[in-house]
PDB file of all heavy atoms in Angstrom:
ATOM      1  N   ILE A   1       0.857  -1.187  -0.002  1.00  0.00           N
ATOM      2  CA  ILE A   1       0.000  -0.005   0.000  1.00  0.00           C
ATOM      3  C   ILE A   1       0.889   1.238   0.003  1.00  0.00           C
ATOM      4  O   ILE A   1       1.731   1.397   0.878  1.00  0.00           O
ATOM      5  CB  ILE A   1      -0.907   0.023   1.244  1.00  0.00           C
ATOM      6  CG1 ILE A   1      -1.754  -1.244   1.335  1.00  0.00           C
ATOM      7  CG2 ILE A   1      -1.798   1.262   1.239  1.00  0.00           C
ATOM      8  CD1 ILE A   1      -2.512  -1.386   2.642  1.00  0.00           C
ATOM      9  N   GLY A   2       0.714   2.110  -0.982  1.00  0.00           N
ATOM     10  CA  GLY A   2       1.506   3.330  -1.065  1.00  0.00           C
ATOM     11  C   GLY A   2       0.608   4.550  -1.161  1.00  0.00           C
ATOM     12  O   GLY A   2      -0.407   4.512  -1.875  1.00  0.00           O
ATOM     13  N   ASP A   3       0.962   5.628  -0.468  1.00  0.00           N
ATOM     14  CA  ASP A   3       0.068   6.790  -0.466  1.00  0.00           C
ATOM     15  C   ASP A   3       0.261   7.697  -1.687  1.00  0.00           C
ATOM     16  O   ASP A   3      -0.518   8.609  -1.900  1.00  0.00           O
ATOM     17  CB  ASP A   3       0.202   7.594   0.830  1.00  0.00           C
ATOM     18  CG  ASP A   3       1.594   8.187   1.028  1.00  0.00           C
ATOM     19  OD1 ASP A   3       2.471   7.926   0.193  1.00  0.00           O
ATOM     20  OD2 ASP A   3       1.787   8.901   2.026  1.00  0.00           O
ATOM     21  N   GLU A   4       1.294   7.459  -2.485  1.00  0.00           N
ATOM     22  CA  GLU A   4       1.465   8.220  -3.721  1.00  0.00           C
ATOM     23  C   GLU A   4       0.898   7.426  -4.898  1.00  0.00           C
ATOM     24  O   GLU A   4       0.857   6.192  -4.863  1.00  0.00           O
ATOM     25  CB  GLU A   4       2.943   8.536  -3.953  1.00  0.00           C
ATOM     26  CG  GLU A   4       3.541   9.453  -2.899  1.00  0.00           C
ATOM     27  CD  GLU A   4       4.988   9.807  -3.208  1.00  0.00           C
ATOM     28  OE1 GLU A   4       5.229  10.410  -4.279  1.00  0.00           O
ATOM     29  OE2 GLU A   4       5.868   9.466  -2.400  1.00  0.00           O
ATOM     30  N   PRO A   5       0.479   8.113  -5.966  1.00  0.00           N
ATOM     31  CA  PRO A   5      -0.118   7.394  -7.099  1.00  0.00           C
ATOM     32  C   PRO A   5       0.900   6.711  -8.002  1.00  0.00           C
ATOM     33  O   PRO A   5       0.537   5.877  -8.821  1.00  0.00           O
ATOM     34  CB  PRO A   5      -0.860   8.503  -7.863  1.00  0.00           C
ATOM     35  CG  PRO A   5      -0.117   9.764  -7.527  1.00  0.00           C
ATOM     36  CD  PRO A   5       0.349   9.577  -6.106  1.00  0.00           C
ATOM     37  N   GLU A   6       2.190   7.042  -7.849  1.00  0.00           N
ATOM     38  CA  GLU A   6       3.210   6.516  -8.739  1.00  0.00           C
ATOM     39  C   GLU A   6       3.730   5.153  -8.279  1.00  0.00           C
ATOM     40  O   GLU A   6       3.648   4.805  -7.110  1.00  0.00           O
ATOM     41  CB  GLU A   6       4.405   7.479  -8.829  1.00  0.00           C
ATOM     42  CG  GLU A   6       4.104   8.791  -9.500  1.00  0.00           C
ATOM     43  CD  GLU A   6       3.594   9.835  -8.528  1.00  0.00           C
ATOM     44  OE1 GLU A   6       3.524   9.544  -7.321  1.00  0.00           O
ATOM     45  OE2 GLU A   6       3.259  10.948  -8.967  1.00  0.00           O
ATOM     46  N   PHE A   7       4.304   4.421  -9.241  1.00  0.00           N
ATOM     47  CA  PHE A   7       5.055   3.229  -8.879  1.00  0.00           C
ATOM     48  C   PHE A   7       6.232   3.644  -7.988  1.00  0.00           C
ATOM     49  O   PHE A   7       6.719   4.783  -8.069  1.00  0.00           O
ATOM     50  CB  PHE A   7       5.595   2.542 -10.135  1.00  0.00           C
ATOM     51  CG  PHE A   7       4.535   1.884 -10.984  1.00  0.00           C
ATOM     52  CD1 PHE A   7       4.322   2.296 -12.297  1.00  0.00           C
ATOM     53  CD2 PHE A   7       3.765   0.844 -10.483  1.00  0.00           C
ATOM     54  CE1 PHE A   7       3.360   1.715 -13.088  1.00  0.00           C
ATOM     55  CE2 PHE A   7       2.792   0.240 -11.268  1.00  0.00           C
ATOM     56  CZ  PHE A   7       2.579   0.677 -12.573  1.00  0.00           C
ATOM     57  N   PRO A   8       6.730   2.766  -7.129  1.00  0.00           N
ATOM     58  CA  PRO A   8       7.855   3.114  -6.247  1.00  0.00           C
ATOM     59  C   PRO A   8       9.051   3.651  -7.036  1.00  0.00           C
ATOM     60  O   PRO A   8       9.415   3.110  -8.081  1.00  0.00           O
ATOM     61  CB  PRO A   8       8.172   1.788  -5.559  1.00  0.00           C
ATOM     62  CG  PRO A   8       6.858   1.058  -5.522  1.00  0.00           C
ATOM     63  CD  PRO A   8       6.208   1.417  -6.830  1.00  0.00           C
ATOM     64  N   TYR A   9       9.647   4.712  -6.490  1.00  0.00           N
ATOM     65  CA  TYR A   9      10.758   5.376  -7.183  1.00  0.00           C
ATOM     66  C   TYR A   9      11.825   5.807  -6.194  1.00  0.00           C
ATOM     67  O   TYR A   9      11.615   5.825  -4.980  1.00  0.00           O
ATOM     68  CB  TYR A   9      10.241   6.576  -7.974  1.00  0.00           C
ATOM     69  CG  TYR A   9       9.572   7.650  -7.138  1.00  0.00           C
ATOM     70  CD1 TYR A   9      10.300   8.699  -6.577  1.00  0.00           C
ATOM     71  CD2 TYR A   9       8.192   7.615  -6.898  1.00  0.00           C
ATOM     72  CE1 TYR A   9       9.686   9.681  -5.814  1.00  0.00           C
ATOM     73  CE2 TYR A   9       7.571   8.588  -6.139  1.00  0.00           C
ATOM     74  CZ  TYR A   9       8.320   9.617  -5.600  1.00  0.00           C
ATOM     75  OH  TYR A   9       7.705  10.591  -4.834  1.00  0.00           O
ATOM     76  N   GLU A  10      13.006   6.139  -6.738  1.00  0.00           N
ATOM     77  CA  GLU A  10      14.114   6.613  -5.917  1.00  0.00           C
ATOM     78  C   GLU A  10      13.851   8.042  -5.448  1.00  0.00           C
ATOM     79  O   GLU A  10      13.429   8.886  -6.240  1.00  0.00           O
ATOM     80  CB  GLU A  10      15.412   6.604  -6.727  1.00  0.00           C
ATOM     81  CG  GLU A  10      15.858   5.263  -7.241  1.00  0.00           C
ATOM     82  CD  GLU A  10      17.128   5.411  -8.052  1.00  0.00           C
ATOM     83  OE1 GLU A  10      18.156   5.790  -7.472  1.00  0.00           O
ATOM     84  OE2 GLU A  10      17.082   5.173  -9.270  1.00  0.00           O
ATOM     85  N   ARG A  11      14.144   8.316  -4.182  1.00  0.00           N
ATOM     86  CA  ARG A  11      13.961   9.685  -3.686  1.00  0.00           C
ATOM     87  C   ARG A  11      15.214  10.560  -3.774  1.00  0.00           C
ATOM     88  O   ARG A  11      15.095  11.756  -3.998  1.00  0.00           O
ATOM     89  CB  ARG A  11      13.446   9.662  -2.247  1.00  0.00           C
ATOM     90  CG  ARG A  11      12.041   9.088  -2.137  1.00  0.00           C
ATOM     91  CD  ARG A  11      11.379   9.385  -0.813  1.00  0.00           C
ATOM     92  NE  ARG A  11      10.136   8.658  -0.696  1.00  0.00           N
ATOM     93  CZ  ARG A  11       8.967   9.060  -1.195  1.00  0.00           C
ATOM     94  NH1 ARG A  11       8.896  10.203  -1.844  1.00  0.00           N
ATOM     95  NH2 ARG A  11       7.877   8.340  -1.045  1.00  0.00           N
ATOM     96  N   PRO A  12      16.430  10.022  -3.571  1.00  0.00           N
ATOM     97  CA  PRO A  12      17.595  10.909  -3.618  1.00  0.00           C
ATOM     98  C   PRO A  12      17.703  11.780  -4.866  1.00  0.00           C
ATOM     99  O   PRO A  12      18.093  12.957  -4.769  1.00  0.00           O
ATOM    100  CB  PRO A  12      18.774   9.931  -3.492  1.00  0.00           C
ATOM    101  CG  PRO A  12      18.222   8.813  -2.669  1.00  0.00           C
ATOM    102  CD  PRO A  12      16.811   8.653  -3.153  1.00  0.00           C
ATOM    103  N   PRO A  13      17.338  11.287  -6.065  1.00  0.00           N
ATOM    104  CA  PRO A  13      17.472  12.160  -7.244  1.00  0.00           C
ATOM    105  C   PRO A  13      16.513  13.350  -7.251  1.00  0.00           C
ATOM    106  O   PRO A  13      16.705  14.272  -8.065  1.00  0.00           O
ATOM    107  CB  PRO A  13      17.158  11.219  -8.417  1.00  0.00           C
ATOM    108  CG  PRO A  13      17.424   9.842  -7.901  1.00  0.00           C
ATOM    109  CD  PRO A  13      17.024   9.902  -6.457  1.00  0.00           C
ATOM    110  N   LEU A  14      15.501  13.342  -6.395  1.00  0.00           N
ATOM    111  CA  LEU A  14      14.528  14.441  -6.424  1.00  0.00           C
ATOM    112  C   LEU A  14      15.203  15.792  -6.241  1.00  0.00           C
ATOM    113  O   LEU A  14      14.846  16.773  -6.901  1.00  0.00           O
ATOM    114  CB  LEU A  14      13.454  14.244  -5.341  1.00  0.00           C
ATOM    115  CG  LEU A  14      12.492  13.071  -5.545  1.00  0.00           C
ATOM    116  CD1 LEU A  14      11.540  12.966  -4.357  1.00  0.00           C
ATOM    117  CD2 LEU A  14      11.702  13.227  -6.842  1.00  0.00           C
ATOM    118  N   SER A  15      16.170  15.873  -5.332  1.00  0.00           N
ATOM    119  CA  SER A  15      16.845  17.147  -5.069  1.00  0.00           C
ATOM    120  C   SER A  15      18.091  17.320  -5.915  1.00  0.00           C
ATOM    121  O   SER A  15      18.824  18.298  -5.747  1.00  0.00           O
ATOM    122  CB  SER A  15      17.210  17.258  -3.588  1.00  0.00           C
ATOM    123  OG  SER A  15      18.034  16.164  -3.186  1.00  0.00           O
ATOM    124  N   LYS A  16      18.341  16.381  -6.819  1.00  0.00           N
ATOM    125  CA  LYS A  16      19.558  16.417  -7.643  1.00  0.00           C
ATOM    126  C   LYS A  16      19.177  16.331  -9.114  1.00  0.00           C
ATOM    127  O   LYS A  16      18.734  17.305  -9.714  1.00  0.00           O
ATOM    128  CB  LYS A  16      20.493  15.269  -7.244  1.00  0.00           C
ATOM    129  CG  LYS A  16      20.822  15.179  -5.749  1.00  0.00           C
ATOM    130  CD  LYS A  16      21.738  13.992  -5.485  1.00  0.00           C
ATOM    131  CE  LYS A  16      21.970  13.711  -4.016  1.00  0.00           C
ATOM    132  NZ  LYS A  16      20.799  13.110  -3.329  1.00  0.00           N
ATOM    133  N   ASP A  17      19.352  15.143  -9.711  1.00  0.00           N
ATOM    134  CA  ASP A  17      19.181  14.959 -11.147  1.00  0.00           C
ATOM    135  C   ASP A  17      17.774  15.270 -11.637  1.00  0.00           C
ATOM    136  O   ASP A  17      17.594  15.828 -12.723  1.00  0.00           O
ATOM    137  CB  ASP A  17      19.520  13.518 -11.553  1.00  0.00           C
ATOM    138  CG  ASP A  17      20.811  13.010 -10.946  1.00  0.00           C
ATOM    139  OD1 ASP A  17      20.856  12.875  -9.711  1.00  0.00           O
ATOM    140  OD2 ASP A  17      21.754  12.726 -11.698  1.00  0.00           O
ATOM    141  N   TYR A  18      16.750  14.872 -10.862  1.00  0.00           N
ATOM    142  CA  TYR A  18      15.375  15.083 -11.319  1.00  0.00           C
ATOM    143  C   TYR A  18      15.024  16.566 -11.318  1.00  0.00           C
ATOM    144  O   TYR A  18      14.468  17.085 -12.299  1.00  0.00           O
ATOM    145  CB  TYR A  18      14.416  14.288 -10.431  1.00  0.00           C
ATOM    146  CG  TYR A  18      12.982  14.332 -10.919  1.00  0.00           C
ATOM    147  CD1 TYR A  18      12.630  13.726 -12.120  1.00  0.00           C
ATOM    148  CD2 TYR A  18      11.990  14.959 -10.180  1.00  0.00           C
ATOM    149  CE1 TYR A  18      11.316  13.768 -12.578  1.00  0.00           C
ATOM    150  CE2 TYR A  18      10.676  15.001 -10.625  1.00  0.00           C
ATOM    151  CZ  TYR A  18      10.340  14.400 -11.824  1.00  0.00           C
ATOM    152  OH  TYR A  18       9.050  14.441 -12.282  1.00  0.00           O
ATOM    153  N   LEU A  19      15.341  17.260 -10.230  1.00  0.00           N
ATOM    154  CA  LEU A  19      15.086  18.690 -10.167  1.00  0.00           C
ATOM    155  C   LEU A  19      15.852  19.432 -11.262  1.00  0.00           C
ATOM    156  O   LEU A  19      15.343  20.384 -11.853  1.00  0.00           O
ATOM    157  CB  LEU A  19      15.481  19.239  -8.794  1.00  0.00           C
ATOM    158  CG  LEU A  19      15.382  20.754  -8.586  1.00  0.00           C
ATOM    159  CD1 LEU A  19      13.959  21.250  -8.837  1.00  0.00           C
ATOM    160  CD2 LEU A  19      15.833  21.132  -7.174  1.00  0.00           C
ATOM    161  N   ALA A  20      17.055  18.969 -11.552  1.00  0.00           N
ATOM    162  CA  ALA A  20      17.878  19.619 -12.579  1.00  0.00           C
ATOM    163  C   ALA A  20      17.401  19.310 -13.991  1.00  0.00           C
ATOM    164  O   ALA A  20      17.899  19.898 -14.954  1.00  0.00           O
ATOM    165  CB  ALA A  20      19.335  19.197 -12.416  1.00  0.00           C
ATOM    166  N   GLY A  21      16.460  18.375 -14.122  1.00  0.00           N
ATOM    167  CA  GLY A  21      15.981  18.000 -15.452  1.00  0.00           C
ATOM    168  C   GLY A  21      16.911  17.054 -16.170  1.00  0.00           C
ATOM    169  O   GLY A  21      16.779  16.826 -17.379  1.00  0.00           O
ATOM    170  N   GLU A  22      17.863  16.460 -15.450  1.00  0.00           N
ATOM    171  CA  GLU A  22      18.845  15.577 -16.068  1.00  0.00           C
ATOM    172  C   GLU A  22      18.369  14.128 -16.114  1.00  0.00           C
ATOM    173  O   GLU A  22      18.956  13.306 -16.819  1.00  0.00           O
ATOM    174  CB  GLU A  22      20.172  15.671 -15.310  1.00  0.00           C
ATOM    175  CG  GLU A  22      20.809  17.056 -15.384  1.00  0.00           C
ATOM    176  CD  GLU A  22      21.995  17.216 -14.449  1.00  0.00           C
ATOM    177  OE1 GLU A  22      22.286  16.250 -13.698  1.00  0.00           O
ATOM    178  OE2 GLU A  22      22.610  18.296 -14.461  1.00  0.00           O
ATOM    179  N   LYS A  23      17.339  13.797 -15.347  1.00  0.00           N
ATOM    180  CA  LYS A  23      16.754  12.466 -15.373  1.00  0.00           C
ATOM    181  C   LYS A  23      15.238  12.593 -15.451  1.00  0.00           C
ATOM    182  O   LYS A  23      14.645  13.398 -14.726  1.00  0.00           O
ATOM    183  CB  LYS A  23      17.135  11.652 -14.124  1.00  0.00           C
ATOM    184  CG  LYS A  23      18.513  11.035 -14.145  1.00  0.00           C
ATOM    185  CD  LYS A  23      18.712  10.101 -12.965  1.00  0.00           C
ATOM    186  CE  LYS A  23      20.077   9.418 -13.009  1.00  0.00           C
ATOM    187  NZ  LYS A  23      20.265   8.498 -11.856  1.00  0.00           N
ATOM    188  N   THR A  24      14.634  11.782 -16.320  1.00  0.00           N
ATOM    189  CA  THR A  24      13.173  11.728 -16.367  1.00  0.00           C
ATOM    190  C   THR A  24      12.663  10.885 -15.199  1.00  0.00           C
ATOM    191  O   THR A  24      13.424  10.139 -14.572  1.00  0.00           O
ATOM    192  CB  THR A  24      12.706  11.086 -17.682  1.00  0.00           C
ATOM    193  OG1 THR A  24      13.184   9.729 -17.725  1.00  0.00           O
ATOM    194  CG2 THR A  24      13.237  11.864 -18.887  1.00  0.00           C
ATOM    195  N   PHE A  25      11.367  10.975 -14.941  1.00  0.00           N
ATOM    196  CA  PHE A  25      10.812  10.194 -13.840  1.00  0.00           C
ATOM    197  C   PHE A  25      10.963   8.702 -14.102  1.00  0.00           C
ATOM    198  O   PHE A  25      11.248   7.926 -13.172  1.00  0.00           O
ATOM    199  CB  PHE A  25       9.338  10.535 -13.631  1.00  0.00           C
ATOM    200  CG  PHE A  25       8.728   9.803 -12.472  1.00  0.00           C
ATOM    201  CD1 PHE A  25       9.084  10.126 -11.171  1.00  0.00           C
ATOM    202  CD2 PHE A  25       7.839   8.757 -12.681  1.00  0.00           C
ATOM    203  CE1 PHE A  25       8.548   9.431 -10.091  1.00  0.00           C
ATOM    204  CE2 PHE A  25       7.295   8.064 -11.606  1.00  0.00           C
ATOM    205  CZ  PHE A  25       7.649   8.404 -10.318  1.00  0.00           C
ATOM    206  N   GLU A  26      10.819   8.285 -15.360  1.00  0.00           N
ATOM    207  CA  GLU A  26      10.931   6.865 -15.680  1.00  0.00           C
ATOM    208  C   GLU A  26      12.312   6.325 -15.308  1.00  0.00           C
ATOM    209  O   GLU A  26      12.441   5.150 -14.941  1.00  0.00           O
ATOM    210  CB  GLU A  26      10.668   6.645 -17.178  1.00  0.00           C
ATOM    211  CG  GLU A  26       9.209   6.802 -17.586  1.00  0.00           C
ATOM    212  CD  GLU A  26       8.701   8.235 -17.464  1.00  0.00           C
ATOM    213  OE1 GLU A  26       9.526   9.176 -17.622  1.00  0.00           O
ATOM    214  OE2 GLU A  26       7.492   8.401 -17.187  1.00  0.00           O
ATOM    215  N   ARG A  27      13.310   7.169 -15.374  1.00  0.00           N
ATOM    216  CA  ARG A  27      14.678   6.702 -15.070  1.00  0.00           C
ATOM    217  C   ARG A  27      14.924   6.566 -13.570  1.00  0.00           C
ATOM    218  O   ARG A  27      15.950   5.988 -13.184  1.00  0.00           O
ATOM    219  CB  ARG A  27      15.698   7.658 -15.681  1.00  0.00           C
ATOM    220  CG  ARG A  27      15.811   7.559 -17.193  1.00  0.00           C
ATOM    221  CD  ARG A  27      16.901   8.472 -17.711  1.00  0.00           C
ATOM    222  NE  ARG A  27      18.215   8.106 -17.162  1.00  0.00           N
ATOM    223  CZ  ARG A  27      19.285   8.905 -17.199  1.00  0.00           C
ATOM    224  NH1 ARG A  27      19.182  10.116 -17.732  1.00  0.00           N
ATOM    225  NH2 ARG A  27      20.434   8.510 -16.692  1.00  0.00           N
ATOM    226  N   ILE A  28      14.046   7.087 -12.732  1.00  0.00           N
ATOM    227  CA  ILE A  28      14.255   6.939 -11.294  1.00  0.00           C
ATOM    228  C   ILE A  28      13.281   5.945 -10.656  1.00  0.00           C
ATOM    229  O   ILE A  28      13.240   5.797  -9.447  1.00  0.00           O
ATOM    230  CB  ILE A  28      14.223   8.289 -10.546  1.00  0.00           C
ATOM    231  CG1 ILE A  28      12.823   8.910 -10.568  1.00  0.00           C
ATOM    232  CG2 ILE A  28      15.237   9.260 -11.122  1.00  0.00           C
ATOM    233  CD1 ILE A  28      12.712  10.151  -9.680  1.00  0.00           C
ATOM    234  N   LEU A  29      12.488   5.267 -11.503  1.00  0.00           N
ATOM    235  CA  LEU A  29      11.647   4.193 -10.970  1.00  0.00           C
ATOM    236  C   LEU A  29      12.536   3.079 -10.426  1.00  0.00           C
ATOM    237  O   LEU A  29      13.548   2.716 -11.032  1.00  0.00           O
ATOM    238  CB  LEU A  29      10.737   3.625 -12.067  1.00  0.00           C
ATOM    239  CG  LEU A  29       9.582   4.509 -12.534  1.00  0.00           C
ATOM    240  CD1 LEU A  29       8.897   3.873 -13.741  1.00  0.00           C
ATOM    241  CD2 LEU A  29       8.581   4.740 -11.414  1.00  0.00           C
ATOM    242  N   LEU A  30      12.149   2.512  -9.287  1.00  0.00           N
ATOM    243  CA  LEU A  30      12.924   1.415  -8.716  1.00  0.00           C
ATOM    244  C   LEU A  30      12.825   0.165  -9.573  1.00  0.00           C
ATOM    245  O   LEU A  30      13.779  -0.619  -9.660  1.00  0.00           O
ATOM    246  CB  LEU A  30      12.450   1.129  -7.292  1.00  0.00           C
ATOM    247  CG  LEU A  30      12.881   2.182  -6.251  1.00  0.00           C
ATOM    248  CD1 LEU A  30      12.120   1.994  -4.950  1.00  0.00           C
ATOM    249  CD2 LEU A  30      14.378   2.089  -5.997  1.00  0.00           C
ATOM    250  N   ARG A  31      11.682  -0.046 -10.177  1.00  0.00           N
ATOM    251  CA  ARG A  31      11.477  -1.151 -11.122  1.00  0.00           C
ATOM    252  C   ARG A  31      10.461  -0.682 -12.175  1.00  0.00           C
ATOM    253  O   ARG A  31       9.615   0.155 -11.890  1.00  0.00           O
ATOM    254  CB  ARG A  31      10.931  -2.403 -10.413  1.00  0.00           C
ATOM    255  CG  ARG A  31      11.902  -3.091  -9.471  1.00  0.00           C
ATOM    256  CD  ARG A  31      13.050  -3.747 -10.223  1.00  0.00           C
ATOM    257  NE  ARG A  31      13.872  -4.591  -9.359  1.00  0.00           N
ATOM    258  CZ  ARG A  31      14.841  -4.172  -8.563  1.00  0.00           C
ATOM    259  NH1 ARG A  31      15.105  -2.860  -8.504  1.00  0.00           N
ATOM    260  NH2 ARG A  31      15.556  -5.013  -7.838  1.00  0.00           N
ATOM    261  N   PRO A  32      10.521  -1.224 -13.381  1.00  0.00           N
ATOM    262  CA  PRO A  32       9.501  -0.892 -14.388  1.00  0.00           C
ATOM    263  C   PRO A  32       8.111  -1.278 -13.892  1.00  0.00           C
ATOM    264  O   PRO A  32       7.964  -2.178 -13.051  1.00  0.00           O
ATOM    265  CB  PRO A  32       9.911  -1.740 -15.604  1.00  0.00           C
ATOM    266  CG  PRO A  32      11.350  -2.095 -15.378  1.00  0.00           C
ATOM    267  CD  PRO A  32      11.524  -2.178 -13.891  1.00  0.00           C
ATOM    268  N   GLY A  33       7.115  -0.630 -14.430  1.00  0.00           N
ATOM    269  CA  GLY A  33       5.749  -0.863 -13.958  1.00  0.00           C
ATOM    270  C   GLY A  33       5.306  -2.306 -14.036  1.00  0.00           C
ATOM    271  O   GLY A  33       4.599  -2.802 -13.135  1.00  0.00           O
ATOM    272  N   ASN A  34       5.706  -3.046 -15.085  1.00  0.00           N
ATOM    273  CA  ASN A  34       5.243  -4.421 -15.238  1.00  0.00           C
ATOM    274  C   ASN A  34       5.915  -5.387 -14.274  1.00  0.00           C
ATOM    275  O   ASN A  34       5.471  -6.528 -14.106  1.00  0.00           O
ATOM    276  CB  ASN A  34       5.440  -4.890 -16.684  1.00  0.00           C
ATOM    277  CG  ASN A  34       6.897  -4.857 -17.120  1.00  0.00           C
ATOM    278  OD1 ASN A  34       7.776  -4.431 -16.354  1.00  0.00           O
ATOM    279  ND2 ASN A  34       7.164  -5.306 -18.344  1.00  0.00           N
ATOM    280  N   PHE A  35       6.996  -4.945 -13.620  1.00  0.00           N
ATOM    281  CA  PHE A  35       7.699  -5.821 -12.677  1.00  0.00           C
ATOM    282  C   PHE A  35       6.771  -6.301 -11.580  1.00  0.00           C
ATOM    283  O   PHE A  35       6.783  -7.482 -11.199  1.00  0.00           O
ATOM    284  CB  PHE A  35       8.884  -5.071 -12.057  1.00  0.00           C
ATOM    285  CG  PHE A  35       9.500  -5.754 -10.863  1.00  0.00           C
ATOM    286  CD1 PHE A  35      10.490  -6.709 -11.035  1.00  0.00           C
ATOM    287  CD2 PHE A  35       9.090  -5.440  -9.560  1.00  0.00           C
ATOM    288  CE1 PHE A  35      11.055  -7.347  -9.938  1.00  0.00           C
ATOM    289  CE2 PHE A  35       9.654  -6.073  -8.464  1.00  0.00           C
ATOM    290  CZ  PHE A  35      10.630  -7.026  -8.658  1.00  0.00           C
ATOM    291  N   TRP A  36       5.959  -5.395 -11.044  1.00  0.00           N
ATOM    292  CA  TRP A  36       5.146  -5.718  -9.876  1.00  0.00           C
ATOM    293  C   TRP A  36       4.098  -6.781 -10.199  1.00  0.00           C
ATOM    294  O   TRP A  36       3.875  -7.708  -9.410  1.00  0.00           O
ATOM    295  CB  TRP A  36       4.501  -4.438  -9.339  1.00  0.00           C
ATOM    296  CG  TRP A  36       5.541  -3.374  -9.108  1.00  0.00           C
ATOM    297  CD1 TRP A  36       5.844  -2.314  -9.923  1.00  0.00           C
ATOM    298  CD2 TRP A  36       6.469  -3.309  -8.019  1.00  0.00           C
ATOM    299  NE1 TRP A  36       6.891  -1.596  -9.409  1.00  0.00           N
ATOM    300  CE2 TRP A  36       7.290  -2.171  -8.247  1.00  0.00           C
ATOM    301  CE3 TRP A  36       6.676  -4.081  -6.870  1.00  0.00           C
ATOM    302  CZ2 TRP A  36       8.313  -1.806  -7.366  1.00  0.00           C
ATOM    303  CZ3 TRP A  36       7.688  -3.717  -5.991  1.00  0.00           C
ATOM    304  CH2 TRP A  36       8.486  -2.601  -6.251  1.00  0.00           C
ATOM    305  N   THR A  37       3.497  -6.673 -11.376  1.00  0.00           N
ATOM    306  CA  THR A  37       2.531  -7.688 -11.793  1.00  0.00           C
ATOM    307  C   THR A  37       3.233  -9.015 -12.055  1.00  0.00           C
ATOM    308  O   THR A  37       2.756 -10.082 -11.638  1.00  0.00           O
ATOM    309  CB  THR A  37       1.808  -7.220 -13.068  1.00  0.00           C
ATOM    310  OG1 THR A  37       1.152  -5.985 -12.807  1.00  0.00           O
ATOM    311  CG2 THR A  37       0.776  -8.249 -13.508  1.00  0.00           C
ATOM    312  N   ASP A  38       4.365  -8.937 -12.756  1.00  0.00           N
ATOM    313  CA  ASP A  38       5.100 -10.166 -13.083  1.00  0.00           C
ATOM    314  C   ASP A  38       5.521 -10.916 -11.820  1.00  0.00           C
ATOM    315  O   ASP A  38       5.594 -12.156 -11.828  1.00  0.00           O
ATOM    316  CB  ASP A  38       6.355  -9.826 -13.899  1.00  0.00           C
ATOM    317  CG  ASP A  38       6.027  -9.293 -15.291  1.00  0.00           C
ATOM    318  OD1 ASP A  38       4.871  -9.437 -15.710  1.00  0.00           O
ATOM    319  OD2 ASP A  38       6.928  -8.708 -15.919  1.00  0.00           O
ATOM    320  N   GLN A  39       5.810 -10.193 -10.734  1.00  0.00           N
ATOM    321  CA  GLN A  39       6.253 -10.811  -9.491  1.00  0.00           C
ATOM    322  C   GLN A  39       5.107 -11.103  -8.516  1.00  0.00           C
ATOM    323  O   GLN A  39       5.346 -11.459  -7.362  1.00  0.00           O
ATOM    324  CB  GLN A  39       7.288  -9.912  -8.803  1.00  0.00           C
ATOM    325  CG  GLN A  39       8.578  -9.757  -9.589  1.00  0.00           C
ATOM    326  CD  GLN A  39       9.314 -11.076  -9.728  1.00  0.00           C
ATOM    327  OE1 GLN A  39       9.461 -11.828  -8.762  1.00  0.00           O
ATOM    328  NE2 GLN A  39       9.768 -11.371 -10.938  1.00  0.00           N
ATOM    329  N   ALA A  40       3.883 -10.949  -8.991  1.00  0.00           N
ATOM    330  CA  ALA A  40       2.692 -11.199  -8.156  1.00  0.00           C
ATOM    331  C   ALA A  40       2.727 -10.385  -6.866  1.00  0.00           C
ATOM    332  O   ALA A  40       2.456 -10.889  -5.770  1.00  0.00           O
ATOM    333  CB  ALA A  40       2.564 -12.695  -7.856  1.00  0.00           C
TER     334      ALA A  40
END
């Protein structure tokens, strides 16, 4: 159960690469979206 609507993602880049526009959100996901279904 997660209180955010997004798939789990890395937080450290939020104040670094993501804020700077050097990484897209997809690049900071901990796993691709289909991973969670594939792993039941």
